[in-house]
Amino acid sequence: MAEPSTVARPYAEAAFRLADGAGTLAKWSEMLGALALVAEDARVRAAIADPNLNEAQAAGVFIGILSGRLSGEAENFLRVLAQNGRLELLPEIRAQFEALKNEREGVLEAEVHSAFELSDAQLADLVQRLEKKTGRKVKARLEVNKDLIAGVRIALGDQVIDGSARAQLGALETALKA
């Protein structure tokens, strides 16, 4: 069986092409975000897995929950997903859509793991430094991870900047063993 990311890719690309062509990337990003949240709800997952529910009814669950927040194109997109039994892929479709959108807009996503909560000013300073280093706009997502002991670990695309105390202690341990 194919990986969910592989199966979701053509749908994400189709949604991206549709949104990009219409100049509605931000609106689609918002709609896919809402659809992904609905798809992650355990009650919705149980409902769409019900064999007594046909494709139109499965799509209708999402359309009903997000009444008035979806465009006609998004509703049609949902119907196509339902016909192909792919509604559970909405979170992955959204993630891939966001990656395409960020690439188009020249934005890098940074996953910042910090040993402690950062203030807004500290996070803004970190983002500014990353933007200067990369020459691109950076959108940061902060996650507190007490296992780091101190410092931060930043995943910026496929690059990792590890300034955590845990990493420094590990490097010291390796140097002492050599």
Protein backbone atom coordinates (compact mmCIF):
# COMPACT_ATOMS: atom_id res chain seq x y z
CA MET A 1 0.00 0.00 0.00
CA ALA A 2 1.25 3.49 -0.87
CA GLU A 3 2.32 5.96 1.78
CA PRO A 4 -0.31 8.59 2.69
CA SER A 5 2.04 11.36 1.57
CA THR A 6 2.34 9.75 -1.88
CA VAL A 7 -1.41 9.33 -2.24
CA ALA A 8 -2.11 12.87 -0.97
CA ARG A 9 0.40 14.58 -3.29
CA PRO A 10 -1.73 14.74 -6.47
CA TYR A 11 -4.68 16.14 -4.52
CA ALA A 12 -2.50 18.78 -2.84
CA GLU A 13 -0.98 19.74 -6.19
CA ALA A 14 -4.42 19.97 -7.81
CA ALA A 15 -5.73 22.18 -5.01
CA PHE A 16 -2.60 24.32 -5.25
CA ARG A 17 -2.91 24.75 -9.02
CA LEU A 18 -6.58 25.67 -8.66
CA ALA A 19 -5.91 28.17 -5.87
CA ASP A 20 -2.81 29.64 -7.49
CA GLY A 21 -4.57 30.08 -10.82
CA ALA A 22 -7.44 31.91 -9.13
CA GLY A 23 -5.15 33.94 -6.85
CA THR A 24 -6.80 32.47 -3.76
CA LEU A 25 -3.89 30.73 -2.02
CA ALA A 26 -4.66 32.31 1.36
CA LYS A 27 -8.35 31.39 1.17
CA TRP A 28 -7.55 27.79 0.21
CA SER A 29 -4.98 27.60 2.97
CA GLU A 30 -7.66 28.64 5.45
CA MET A 31 -10.25 26.23 4.04
CA LEU A 32 -7.85 23.27 3.99
CA GLY A 33 -6.81 24.10 7.55
CA ALA A 34 -10.42 23.95 8.67
CA LEU A 35 -11.03 20.74 6.71
CA ALA A 36 -7.93 19.11 8.23
CA LEU A 37 -9.12 19.98 11.73
CA VAL A 38 -12.51 18.45 11.03
CA ALA A 39 -10.89 15.34 9.52
CA GLU A 40 -8.77 14.84 12.67
CA ASP A 41 -11.83 14.74 14.94
CA ALA A 42 -12.46 11.18 16.18
CA ARG A 43 -16.24 11.48 15.73
CA VAL A 44 -15.86 12.60 12.12
CA ARG A 45 -13.36 9.81 11.40
CA ALA A 46 -15.84 7.31 12.83
CA ALA A 47 -18.68 8.79 10.75
CA ILE A 48 -16.84 8.71 7.43
CA ALA A 49 -15.62 5.16 8.13
CA ASP A 50 -19.24 3.99 8.51
CA PRO A 51 -19.95 1.65 5.58
CA ASN A 52 -23.61 2.75 5.59
CA LEU A 53 -22.55 6.30 4.60
CA ASN A 54 -22.22 6.88 0.85
CA GLU A 55 -19.70 9.28 -0.71
CA ALA A 56 -22.12 12.19 -0.97
CA GLN A 57 -23.09 11.81 2.68
CA ALA A 58 -19.42 11.60 3.75
CA ALA A 59 -18.65 14.84 1.91
CA GLY A 60 -21.85 16.29 3.35
CA VAL A 61 -20.52 15.74 6.88
CA PHE A 62 -17.67 18.17 6.16
CA ILE A 63 -19.82 20.60 4.19
CA GLY A 64 -22.40 20.66 6.99
CA ILE A 65 -19.85 21.24 9.74
CA LEU A 66 -18.12 24.03 7.79
CA SER A 67 -21.32 25.53 6.40
CA GLY A 68 -20.64 28.87 4.74
CA ARG A 69 -16.85 28.62 5.12
CA LEU A 70 -16.14 26.65 1.94
CA SER A 71 -16.16 27.86 -1.65
CA GLY A 72 -17.95 25.91 -4.36
CA GLU A 73 -14.57 24.67 -5.62
CA ALA A 74 -13.65 23.42 -2.14
CA GLU A 75 -16.97 21.58 -1.86
CA ASN A 76 -16.33 19.95 -5.25
CA PHE A 77 -12.81 19.05 -4.10
CA LEU A 78 -14.34 17.36 -1.04
CA ARG A 79 -16.74 15.41 -3.23
CA VAL A 80 -13.84 14.13 -5.35
CA LEU A 81 -11.96 13.08 -2.20
CA ALA A 82 -15.08 11.30 -0.91
CA GLN A 83 -15.64 9.49 -4.24
CA ASN A 84 -12.06 8.22 -4.09
CA GLY A 85 -12.21 7.32 -0.39
CA ARG A 86 -9.53 9.89 0.50
CA LEU A 87 -11.19 12.16 3.08
CA GLU A 88 -8.88 10.86 5.82
CA LEU A 89 -5.94 12.33 3.86
CA LEU A 90 -7.06 15.93 4.40
CA PRO A 91 -4.40 16.69 7.08
CA GLU A 92 -1.63 15.42 4.78
CA ILE A 93 -3.13 17.25 1.77
CA ARG A 94 -3.14 20.44 3.81
CA ALA A 95 0.49 19.96 4.89
CA GLN A 96 1.62 19.43 1.29
CA PHE A 97 -0.48 22.37 0.08
CA GLU A 98 1.19 24.59 2.71
CA ALA A 99 4.64 23.44 1.59
CA LEU A 100 3.79 24.34 -2.02
CA LYS A 101 2.34 27.68 -0.93
CA ASN A 102 5.40 28.50 1.17
CA GLU A 103 7.69 27.61 -1.73
CA ARG A 104 5.73 29.88 -4.05
CA GLU A 105 5.83 32.74 -1.54
CA GLY A 106 9.51 32.22 -0.69
CA VAL A 107 8.76 31.31 2.92
CA LEU A 108 10.71 28.78 4.98
CA GLU A 109 9.06 27.02 7.88
CA ALA A 110 11.17 26.75 10.99
CA GLU A 111 10.35 24.31 13.75
CA VAL A 112 11.88 25.78 16.89
CA HIS A 113 12.29 23.48 19.89
CA SER A 114 13.22 25.38 23.03
CA ALA A 115 13.94 24.16 26.54
CA PHE A 116 11.83 27.05 27.85
CA GLU A 117 8.96 29.22 26.62
CA LEU A 118 10.27 32.11 24.51
CA SER A 119 8.80 35.59 24.75
CA ASP A 120 7.37 37.20 21.62
CA ALA A 121 10.42 39.49 21.44
CA GLN A 122 12.84 36.54 21.69
CA LEU A 123 10.99 34.62 19.00
CA ALA A 124 10.86 37.70 16.74
CA ASP A 125 14.62 38.20 17.22
CA LEU A 126 15.26 34.55 16.36
CA VAL A 127 13.08 34.78 13.24
CA GLN A 128 14.87 37.97 12.18
CA ARG A 129 18.27 36.26 12.52
CA LEU A 130 17.06 33.24 10.55
CA GLU A 131 15.70 35.49 7.81
CA LYS A 132 19.04 37.29 7.62
CA LYS A 133 20.91 33.97 7.48
CA THR A 134 18.68 32.41 4.80
CA GLY A 135 17.68 35.49 2.82
CA ARG A 136 14.07 34.30 2.90
CA LYS A 137 10.97 34.99 4.97
CA VAL A 138 10.73 32.58 7.91
CA LYS A 139 7.55 31.35 9.60
CA ALA A 140 8.41 29.84 12.99
CA ARG A 141 6.47 27.30 15.01
CA LEU A 142 7.59 27.06 18.64
CA GLU A 143 7.51 23.90 20.71
CA VAL A 144 8.78 23.62 24.28
CA ASN A 145 10.92 20.52 24.88
CA LYS A 146 12.32 20.23 28.41
CA ASP A 147 14.61 17.35 27.30
CA LEU A 148 16.90 19.90 25.64
CA ILE A 149 18.00 21.10 29.12
CA ALA A 150 18.76 24.60 27.76
CA GLY A 151 19.04 26.38 24.39
CA VAL A 152 17.17 25.78 21.15
CA ARG A 153 17.11 23.29 18.30
CA ILE A 154 15.86 24.64 14.97
CA ALA A 155 14.75 22.55 12.00
CA LEU A 156 14.77 24.78 8.93
CA GLY A 157 13.77 22.67 5.95
CA ASP A 158 16.35 19.90 5.79
CA GLN A 159 18.88 21.85 7.85
CA VAL A 160 19.10 21.49 11.65
CA ILE A 161 20.74 24.06 13.90
CA ASP A 162 21.24 22.49 17.30
CA GLY A 163 22.27 24.95 20.01
CA SER A 164 20.83 22.91 22.84
CA ALA A 165 22.77 22.00 25.96
CA ARG A 166 21.98 18.34 25.25
CA ALA A 167 23.76 18.56 21.86
CA GLN A 168 26.73 20.39 23.34
CA LEU A 169 27.06 17.81 26.11
CA GLY A 170 26.88 15.04 23.52
CA ALA A 171 29.66 16.67 21.48
CA LEU A 172 31.78 17.06 24.61
CA GLU A 173 31.23 13.39 25.48
CA THR A 174 32.31 12.34 21.98
CA ALA A 175 35.40 14.54 22.14
CA LEU A 176 36.41 13.10 25.52
CA LYS A 177 36.05 9.51 24.28
CA ALA A 178 38.32 10.17 21.29
